[in-house]
Amino acid sequence: MRVLFSTTAGSGHFGPLVPFARACVAAGHEVMVAAPASFSGEVRAAGFEHRPFADVPSELLGRVYGRLPSLPVEEATAIVMGDVFGRLCAQAALPDLVAIVDEWRPDIVLREPAEFGSLVAARSGGVAQAVVAIGMMEMIDSVAPLVAAPLAELDALAGLPEGAAAAALRASSTLTCVPAVLDRSGRTGSTSTGSIHRYFDTSLATRAGALPPAWGDPSQPLVYVTFGSVAAGMGHFADLYPAVLAAFADQPVRVLLTTGQGVDPVDLAPLPPNAHVERWWPQSDVMPHAAAMVGHGGFGTTMAALAAGVPQVVVPLFAPDQYINGKHVAAVGAGLNLDGGPMAIPVLAEAVERLVAEPAYRTAAQAVADEMAGLPPVAEAVSLLELLATP
C-alpha cells in the first residue's frame, strides 16, 4: 500500500502525523510526505521521503498575519483558517498535490486538518482520504463553516462539482490520539458524518529520566514551563520569558524553563536561584519529575503532560487550537486555563500553587492518562488504513 501524508509547514501540524507514518513504514507500506518546499528539512529529519508543493509567498502571509494581533480571537481564527489555510495555502499547494497524486498514485491520503489541498487532490484523483487530528475534535468541527467558501473555490480550480470538497470534509474518517473523555468535555454539536478512531501514541510514554544539573532546593516541587518551539521566535512574546521567571522568583518551587531556538538562555541571566533555563529538554524525561506544567496549549505539550498525569496551567498565546485545548483541559479538571496571554502572567504563580496544593487536579490528569494508555497503540491504525484504502 502507498500512503501519502500531507501537511502544512508547521511542527505542531506535522508532529501528530509522524507516529502514524512510522507505523505504516513498520508494517511494510510505502510512505511519502507532501509538504511545502520550505519544510523539507523537518520532513527528512523525521526520516521520510519528501514531495514538495509550493509555499505561499512570504509577503502575502506577512500582510495577513500582520493584521492578527489587533483582532479578537474569533475574527483572527476565521482569517487564519479561511484566508490562510483554506485559501492561500491550499490554492498554492493544489496544482502540485494533484500532480503528486496523479504520478505516485497513493492508495490513501492522510492529511492534517489544516491542509486542504490534498483533500481536493484526493477527491479529484478518486483516492481514499482520512485526517489525523492535531487537537480536539471541536477544532475540526469549527473549521467547516470557516472554509466553506475557500473549498468551493478549490472545487472550481480542480474541476469538481460544487460542494464536492465540503462533502469529502464532512465524511472524512478521523484518527486521533485524544481520549474520548477529553474530546467530549466542552464539545458542542458536529456536522461531521465521518467515523472517529482513537489510538495511543506510545512515544508519549514517560520515564524518570535525567534532569539538568542540580539547581534550587530539590525538596521543592518542580514546575516545568514551555511555550513550544514557535512563540520564542515571535517578537511580541520576547518579554514573556523573563516575566515568567520573575513571577516564580520568590515562590517555593523549582522552575525548569525551555525556550526553543528563538531565545538564548544566556540572554535571560541573571536567573533567580530557583530557576534553570534550557533551549530544549526531553519532555518524557521531565514529566515524571514535574508537580505541574505551564504551557501555551500546543497539542504536543498538552498531550505530553496529560499522558504523564501532570496537571497543567494553559496560557493560550496565538493559535485557535490553544484556546480550545486549554478549555478542554480545564473542563476535565486536569488543570487551569488562563486567558489573556502574557497579561495572565501576574496570576500564574497563584494558579500553579493551586494545582500543587489541591490533589484533585492531579487525580483528574491521571484519569486522562489512564484512558490514553488504555487505547490501542497507533500501530493498530494501519489495519484501518488498509480497510479505508480498499476500493
Protein backbone atom coordinates (compact mmCIF):
# COMPACT_ATOMS: atom_id res chain seq x y z
CA MET A 1 0.00 0.00 0.00
CA ARG A 2 1.17 3.52 -0.76
CA VAL A 3 0.27 6.14 1.86
CA LEU A 4 0.65 9.85 1.14
CA PHE A 5 0.79 12.05 4.24
CA SER A 6 0.21 15.76 3.68
CA THR A 7 0.92 18.67 6.00
CA THR A 8 1.34 22.40 6.14
CA ALA A 9 4.68 23.85 7.24
CA GLY A 10 4.43 23.63 10.99
CA SER A 11 5.93 21.28 13.57
CA GLY A 12 2.67 21.19 15.50
CA HIS A 13 0.81 20.15 12.36
CA PHE A 14 3.32 17.57 11.16
CA GLY A 15 4.17 16.03 14.55
CA PRO A 16 0.85 14.18 15.08
CA LEU A 17 1.21 12.57 11.63
CA VAL A 18 4.63 11.12 12.41
CA PRO A 19 3.63 8.13 14.61
CA PHE A 20 1.05 7.04 12.01
CA ALA A 21 3.59 7.38 9.20
CA ARG A 22 6.15 5.35 11.14
CA ALA A 23 3.54 2.69 11.86
CA CYS A 24 2.87 2.38 8.13
CA VAL A 25 6.59 2.04 7.40
CA ALA A 26 6.95 -0.59 10.13
CA ALA A 27 4.10 -2.55 8.55
CA GLY A 28 5.96 -2.61 5.22
CA HIS A 29 4.00 0.07 3.36
CA GLU A 30 5.44 2.86 1.20
CA VAL A 31 5.19 6.32 2.75
CA MET A 32 5.64 9.72 1.17
CA VAL A 33 5.16 13.09 2.89
CA ALA A 34 3.88 16.00 0.85
CA ALA A 35 4.67 19.36 2.44
CA PRO A 36 5.70 22.87 1.42
CA ALA A 37 9.18 23.09 -0.08
CA SER A 38 10.33 25.20 2.89
CA PHE A 39 9.51 22.30 5.24
CA SER A 40 11.77 19.76 3.57
CA GLY A 41 14.38 19.73 6.34
CA GLU A 42 11.92 18.74 9.05
CA VAL A 43 10.31 16.02 6.93
CA ARG A 44 13.67 14.49 6.04
CA ALA A 45 14.93 14.79 9.63
CA ALA A 46 11.96 12.64 10.67
CA GLY A 47 13.16 10.01 8.20
CA PHE A 48 10.64 10.34 5.36
CA GLU A 49 10.84 11.00 1.66
CA HIS A 50 9.55 14.48 0.86
CA ARG A 51 7.50 15.55 -2.14
CA PRO A 52 7.36 19.36 -2.12
CA PHE A 53 4.49 21.60 -3.03
CA ALA A 54 4.53 25.37 -3.41
CA ASP A 55 4.84 27.72 -0.46
CA VAL A 56 2.69 30.81 -0.19
CA PRO A 57 4.84 33.88 -0.92
CA SER A 58 6.04 35.27 2.41
CA GLU A 59 4.88 38.79 1.57
CA LEU A 60 1.29 37.56 1.22
CA LEU A 61 1.39 35.72 4.55
CA GLY A 62 3.08 38.69 6.18
CA ARG A 63 0.25 41.01 5.20
CA VAL A 64 -2.34 38.66 6.64
CA TYR A 65 -0.52 37.77 9.85
CA GLY A 66 0.34 41.41 10.46
CA ARG A 67 -3.35 42.13 10.99
CA LEU A 68 -3.96 39.43 13.57
CA PRO A 69 -2.56 40.85 16.85
CA SER A 70 -5.12 43.68 16.84
CA LEU A 71 -8.13 41.43 16.17
CA PRO A 72 -10.43 39.50 18.55
CA VAL A 73 -9.63 35.78 18.77
CA GLU A 74 -12.74 34.72 16.85
CA GLU A 75 -12.03 37.07 13.95
CA ALA A 76 -8.35 36.13 13.85
CA THR A 77 -9.30 32.43 13.83
CA ALA A 78 -11.64 32.94 10.89
CA ILE A 79 -8.88 34.68 8.94
CA VAL A 80 -6.23 32.04 9.72
CA MET A 81 -8.47 29.08 8.86
CA GLY A 82 -10.32 30.64 5.95
CA ASP A 83 -7.89 33.01 4.26
CA VAL A 84 -4.54 31.43 5.19
CA PHE A 85 -5.09 27.66 5.29
CA GLY A 86 -8.31 27.37 3.28
CA ARG A 87 -7.40 29.79 0.50
CA LEU A 88 -3.74 30.89 0.27
CA CYS A 89 -2.05 27.66 1.35
CA ALA A 90 -4.48 25.28 -0.33
CA GLN A 91 -4.53 27.13 -3.65
CA ALA A 92 -0.74 27.32 -3.71
CA ALA A 93 -0.45 23.61 -2.96
CA LEU A 94 -3.26 22.25 -5.14
CA PRO A 95 -1.50 22.01 -8.55
CA ASP A 96 1.49 20.18 -7.10
CA LEU A 97 -0.69 17.89 -4.98
CA VAL A 98 -2.85 16.98 -7.97
CA ALA A 99 0.35 16.08 -9.84
CA ILE A 100 1.72 14.06 -6.90
CA VAL A 101 -1.49 12.06 -6.59
CA ASP A 102 -1.61 11.51 -10.35
CA GLU A 103 2.04 10.46 -10.64
CA TRP A 104 2.61 8.48 -7.42
CA ARG A 105 -0.92 7.02 -7.20
CA PRO A 106 -1.25 6.57 -3.45
CA ASP A 107 -3.83 4.14 -2.14
CA ILE A 108 -4.84 6.60 0.56
CA VAL A 109 -4.09 10.21 1.52
CA LEU A 110 -3.75 11.01 5.22
CA ARG A 111 -3.73 14.74 5.92
CA GLU A 112 -3.72 17.07 8.91
CA PRO A 113 -6.86 19.19 9.40
CA ALA A 114 -5.43 22.48 8.10
CA GLU A 115 -4.10 21.05 4.83
CA PHE A 116 -6.97 21.22 2.33
CA GLY A 117 -5.12 20.88 -0.97
CA SER A 118 -4.70 17.13 -0.51
CA LEU A 119 -8.39 16.77 0.39
CA VAL A 120 -9.30 18.13 -3.04
CA ALA A 121 -6.45 16.36 -4.86
CA ALA A 122 -7.56 13.02 -3.38
CA ARG A 123 -11.19 13.68 -4.31
CA SER A 124 -10.16 14.69 -7.82
CA GLY A 125 -7.98 11.59 -8.25
CA GLY A 126 -10.52 9.15 -6.84
CA VAL A 127 -8.24 8.28 -3.92
CA ALA A 128 -9.40 7.48 -0.39
CA GLN A 129 -8.51 10.03 2.27
CA ALA A 130 -8.66 10.45 6.03
CA VAL A 131 -7.50 13.03 8.56
CA VAL A 132 -5.22 12.89 11.62
CA ALA A 133 -6.38 15.19 14.40
CA ILE A 134 -3.86 17.72 15.70
CA GLY A 135 -6.12 18.75 18.57
CA MET A 136 -9.62 18.29 19.90
CA MET A 137 -12.47 17.28 17.59
CA GLU A 138 -14.04 20.62 18.45
CA MET A 139 -11.29 22.27 16.39
CA ILE A 140 -12.08 20.09 13.37
CA ASP A 141 -15.80 20.75 13.84
CA SER A 142 -15.26 24.50 13.93
CA VAL A 143 -13.29 24.55 10.68
CA ALA A 144 -16.07 23.53 8.27
CA PRO A 145 -18.05 26.81 8.22
CA LEU A 146 -14.85 28.87 8.08
CA VAL A 147 -13.60 27.13 4.93
CA ALA A 148 -16.90 26.73 3.07
CA ALA A 149 -16.17 29.48 0.54
CA PRO A 150 -12.48 28.53 0.04
CA LEU A 151 -13.48 24.89 -0.53
CA ALA A 152 -15.95 25.96 -3.19
CA GLU A 153 -13.11 27.86 -4.89
CA LEU A 154 -10.94 24.74 -4.75
CA ASP A 155 -13.76 22.72 -6.33
CA ALA A 156 -13.79 25.13 -9.25
CA LEU A 157 -10.00 25.09 -9.59
CA ALA A 158 -9.95 21.27 -9.62
CA GLY A 159 -12.94 20.92 -11.93
CA LEU A 160 -15.03 19.19 -9.28
CA PRO A 161 -18.80 19.57 -8.81
CA GLU A 162 -19.71 22.37 -6.42
CA GLY A 163 -19.82 21.04 -2.87
CA ALA A 164 -17.56 18.04 -3.53
CA ALA A 165 -14.75 19.18 -1.23
CA ALA A 166 -17.14 20.14 1.58
CA ALA A 167 -18.82 16.73 1.34
CA ALA A 168 -15.46 14.97 1.48
CA LEU A 169 -14.51 17.06 4.52
CA ARG A 170 -17.70 16.08 6.36
CA ALA A 171 -17.28 12.39 5.54
CA SER A 172 -13.60 12.10 6.46
CA SER A 173 -12.65 9.40 8.94
CA THR A 174 -10.56 10.84 11.76
CA LEU A 175 -7.61 9.20 13.51
CA THR A 176 -6.82 10.81 16.85
CA CYS A 177 -4.71 10.28 19.97
CA VAL A 178 -7.13 12.34 22.09
CA PRO A 179 -9.13 10.17 24.51
CA ALA A 180 -12.91 10.47 24.42
CA VAL A 181 -13.14 11.90 27.95
CA LEU A 182 -11.03 14.89 26.91
CA ASP A 183 -12.63 15.30 23.49
CA ARG A 184 -16.23 15.44 24.59
CA SER A 185 -15.72 17.82 27.53
CA GLY A 186 -16.84 21.23 26.32
CA ARG A 187 -17.59 19.98 22.78
CA THR A 188 -20.78 21.14 21.10
CA GLY A 189 -22.61 19.60 18.13
CA SER A 190 -20.88 18.45 14.95
CA THR A 191 -21.94 18.19 11.31
CA SER A 192 -19.28 15.56 10.59
CA THR A 193 -20.50 12.16 9.43
CA GLY A 194 -17.09 10.50 9.45
CA SER A 195 -16.04 7.90 11.98
CA ILE A 196 -13.57 8.63 14.81
CA HIS A 197 -10.80 6.17 15.70
CA ARG A 198 -8.72 6.65 18.84
CA TYR A 199 -5.18 5.41 19.47
CA PHE A 200 -2.36 5.78 21.97
CA ASP A 201 0.89 7.32 20.79
CA THR A 202 3.37 5.15 22.66
CA SER A 203 6.08 7.78 22.16
CA LEU A 204 4.27 9.74 24.89
CA ALA A 205 5.12 7.06 27.44
CA THR A 206 7.32 8.67 30.08
CA ARG A 207 10.25 7.55 32.12
CA ALA A 208 12.01 9.23 35.04
CA GLY A 209 14.97 10.49 33.05
CA ALA A 210 17.81 12.86 33.77
CA LEU A 211 17.27 16.49 34.65
CA PRO A 212 19.76 19.34 34.10
CA PRO A 213 22.48 19.86 36.73
CA ALA A 214 21.07 20.50 40.19
CA TRP A 215 19.61 23.91 40.95
CA GLY A 216 17.44 25.38 43.67
CA ASP A 217 16.06 23.34 46.55
CA PRO A 218 15.50 19.73 45.40
CA SER A 219 12.85 19.26 48.08
CA GLN A 220 10.57 21.82 46.41
CA PRO A 221 8.08 20.85 43.67
CA LEU A 222 9.30 21.07 40.07
CA VAL A 223 7.34 23.28 37.68
CA TYR A 224 8.09 22.66 34.01
CA VAL A 225 7.43 25.69 31.78
CA THR A 226 7.40 25.53 27.99
CA PHE A 227 5.69 27.61 25.32
CA GLY A 228 6.66 25.34 22.45
CA SER A 229 9.02 25.91 19.56
CA VAL A 230 7.31 28.87 17.86
CA ALA A 231 6.49 31.50 20.49
CA ALA A 232 10.11 32.39 21.30
CA GLY A 233 10.67 33.39 17.68
CA MET A 234 7.71 35.78 17.65
CA GLY A 235 8.95 39.20 18.65
CA HIS A 236 5.87 40.27 20.59
CA PHE A 237 6.41 37.39 23.04
CA ALA A 238 10.03 38.29 23.82
CA ASP A 239 9.12 39.63 27.28
CA LEU A 240 7.16 36.53 28.21
CA TYR A 241 10.17 34.50 29.37
CA PRO A 242 11.70 37.00 31.83
CA ALA A 243 8.21 37.75 33.11
CA VAL A 244 7.62 34.07 33.91
CA LEU A 245 10.94 33.81 35.73
CA ALA A 246 10.12 36.92 37.76
CA ALA A 247 6.67 35.56 38.64
CA PHE A 248 8.18 32.44 40.22
CA ALA A 249 11.33 34.03 41.67
CA ASP A 250 10.04 34.18 45.25
CA GLN A 251 7.86 31.06 45.13
CA PRO A 252 8.67 27.76 46.93
CA VAL A 253 9.15 25.84 43.67
CA ARG A 254 11.91 24.90 41.24
CA VAL A 255 11.34 26.07 37.67
CA LEU A 256 12.68 24.41 34.53
CA LEU A 257 12.00 26.72 31.58
CA THR A 258 12.67 25.74 27.96
CA THR A 259 12.77 28.43 25.27
CA GLY A 260 13.29 26.73 21.92
CA GLN A 261 15.55 28.35 19.34
CA GLY A 262 14.07 31.86 19.49
CA VAL A 263 15.55 32.87 22.85
CA ASP A 264 19.10 32.25 24.07
CA PRO A 265 19.07 31.25 27.75
CA VAL A 266 22.16 33.42 28.25
CA ASP A 267 20.05 36.48 27.48
CA LEU A 268 17.81 35.73 30.47
CA ALA A 269 20.66 35.94 33.00
CA PRO A 270 20.91 36.53 35.87
CA LEU A 271 18.42 33.80 36.75
CA PRO A 272 16.57 33.52 40.05
CA PRO A 273 18.18 30.82 42.25
CA ASN A 274 15.12 28.59 41.85
CA ALA A 275 15.18 28.61 38.02
CA HIS A 276 17.08 26.79 35.30
CA VAL A 277 16.72 27.52 31.57
CA GLU A 278 17.48 25.33 28.55
CA ARG A 279 16.64 25.70 24.89
CA TRP A 280 15.22 22.16 24.97
CA TRP A 281 14.97 19.16 27.26
CA PRO A 282 13.25 15.81 26.57
CA GLN A 283 9.70 16.14 27.84
CA SER A 284 9.44 12.41 28.51
CA ASP A 285 12.37 12.77 30.93
CA VAL A 286 10.96 15.82 32.72
CA MET A 287 7.31 14.89 33.16
CA PRO A 288 7.71 12.16 35.79
CA HIS A 289 9.53 14.70 37.98
CA ALA A 290 7.04 17.55 37.49
CA ALA A 291 4.45 18.62 40.02
CA ALA A 292 2.86 20.90 37.41
CA MET A 293 3.42 22.17 33.89
CA VAL A 294 2.84 25.60 32.41
CA GLY A 295 2.26 25.66 28.66
CA HIS A 296 0.58 27.54 25.83
CA GLY A 297 -1.94 24.88 24.88
CA GLY A 298 0.03 23.50 21.94
CA PHE A 299 -1.11 19.99 21.13
CA GLY A 300 2.23 18.27 21.72
CA THR A 301 2.95 19.77 25.13
CA THR A 302 -0.66 19.50 26.28
CA MET A 303 -0.85 15.81 25.41
CA ALA A 304 2.58 15.05 26.87
CA ALA A 305 1.51 16.42 30.25
CA LEU A 306 -1.80 14.58 30.17
CA ALA A 307 -0.14 11.29 29.19
CA ALA A 308 2.08 11.64 32.26
CA GLY A 309 -0.80 12.60 34.57
CA VAL A 310 0.71 16.03 35.24
CA PRO A 311 -1.74 18.89 35.94
CA GLN A 312 -1.14 21.99 33.85
CA VAL A 313 -1.82 25.68 33.60
CA VAL A 314 -2.62 26.60 30.00
CA VAL A 315 -1.86 30.15 28.85
CA PRO A 316 -3.06 30.31 25.21
CA LEU A 317 -0.92 32.69 23.17
CA PHE A 318 -1.70 32.92 19.47
CA ALA A 319 -3.46 29.97 17.81
CA PRO A 320 -7.15 29.00 18.00
CA ASP A 321 -6.45 25.39 18.96
CA GLN A 322 -4.55 26.59 22.04
CA TYR A 323 -7.71 28.21 23.40
CA ILE A 324 -9.73 25.08 22.68
CA ASN A 325 -7.12 22.78 24.24
CA GLY A 326 -6.98 24.93 27.37
CA LYS A 327 -10.75 24.89 27.67
CA HIS A 328 -10.89 21.09 27.45
CA VAL A 329 -8.09 20.58 29.98
CA ALA A 330 -9.97 22.78 32.44
CA ALA A 331 -13.29 21.08 31.66
CA VAL A 332 -11.99 17.66 32.77
CA GLY A 333 -10.40 19.17 35.88
CA ALA A 334 -6.83 18.37 34.78
CA GLY A 335 -5.68 21.97 35.03
CA LEU A 336 -6.49 25.64 34.73
CA ASN A 337 -6.95 27.80 31.65
CA LEU A 338 -5.75 31.42 31.86
CA ASP A 339 -6.92 33.68 29.05
CA GLY A 340 -5.07 36.88 28.27
CA GLY A 341 -1.74 35.58 27.01
CA PRO A 342 1.19 37.47 28.58
CA MET A 343 -1.31 39.57 30.55
CA ALA A 344 -2.09 36.46 32.62
CA ILE A 345 1.46 36.09 33.96
CA PRO A 346 0.79 38.09 37.18
CA VAL A 347 -1.62 35.36 38.35
CA LEU A 348 0.46 32.44 37.06
CA ALA A 349 2.22 31.64 40.32
CA GLU A 350 -1.09 31.61 42.18
CA ALA A 351 -2.55 29.20 39.60
CA VAL A 352 0.41 26.83 39.91
CA GLU A 353 0.21 26.97 43.70
CA ARG A 354 -3.41 25.87 43.44
CA LEU A 355 -2.54 22.93 41.18
CA VAL A 356 0.15 21.73 43.55
CA ALA A 357 -1.93 22.19 46.70
CA GLU A 358 -5.16 20.58 45.50
CA PRO A 359 -4.81 16.84 44.71
CA ALA A 360 -7.98 16.80 42.61
CA TYR A 361 -6.12 18.28 39.64
CA ARG A 362 -3.51 15.53 39.57
CA THR A 363 -6.21 12.90 40.10
CA ALA A 364 -8.11 14.21 37.09
CA ALA A 365 -4.94 14.39 34.98
CA GLN A 366 -4.08 10.82 35.93
CA ALA A 367 -7.58 9.68 34.93
CA VAL A 368 -6.97 11.11 31.45
CA ALA A 369 -3.55 9.43 31.36
CA ASP A 370 -5.12 6.08 32.26
CA GLU A 371 -7.69 6.39 29.47
CA MET A 372 -4.97 7.31 26.97
CA ALA A 373 -2.84 4.33 27.98
CA GLY A 374 -5.85 2.04 27.57
CA LEU A 375 -6.33 2.92 23.90
CA PRO A 376 -4.98 0.62 21.18
CA PRO A 377 -1.49 1.61 20.02
CA VAL A 378 -1.05 3.67 16.86
CA ALA A 379 0.37 0.59 15.14
CA GLU A 380 -3.17 -0.83 15.03
CA ALA A 381 -4.29 2.11 12.87
CA VAL A 382 -2.56 0.51 9.89
CA SER A 383 -5.30 -2.11 9.53
CA LEU A 384 -7.89 0.68 9.44
CA LEU A 385 -5.97 2.49 6.70
CA GLU A 386 -5.75 -0.74 4.70
CA LEU A 387 -9.52 -1.08 5.00
CA LEU A 388 -10.19 2.53 4.02
CA ALA A 389 -7.87 2.19 1.02
CA THR A 390 -9.70 -0.89 -0.28
CA PRO A 391 -11.78 0.06 -3.36
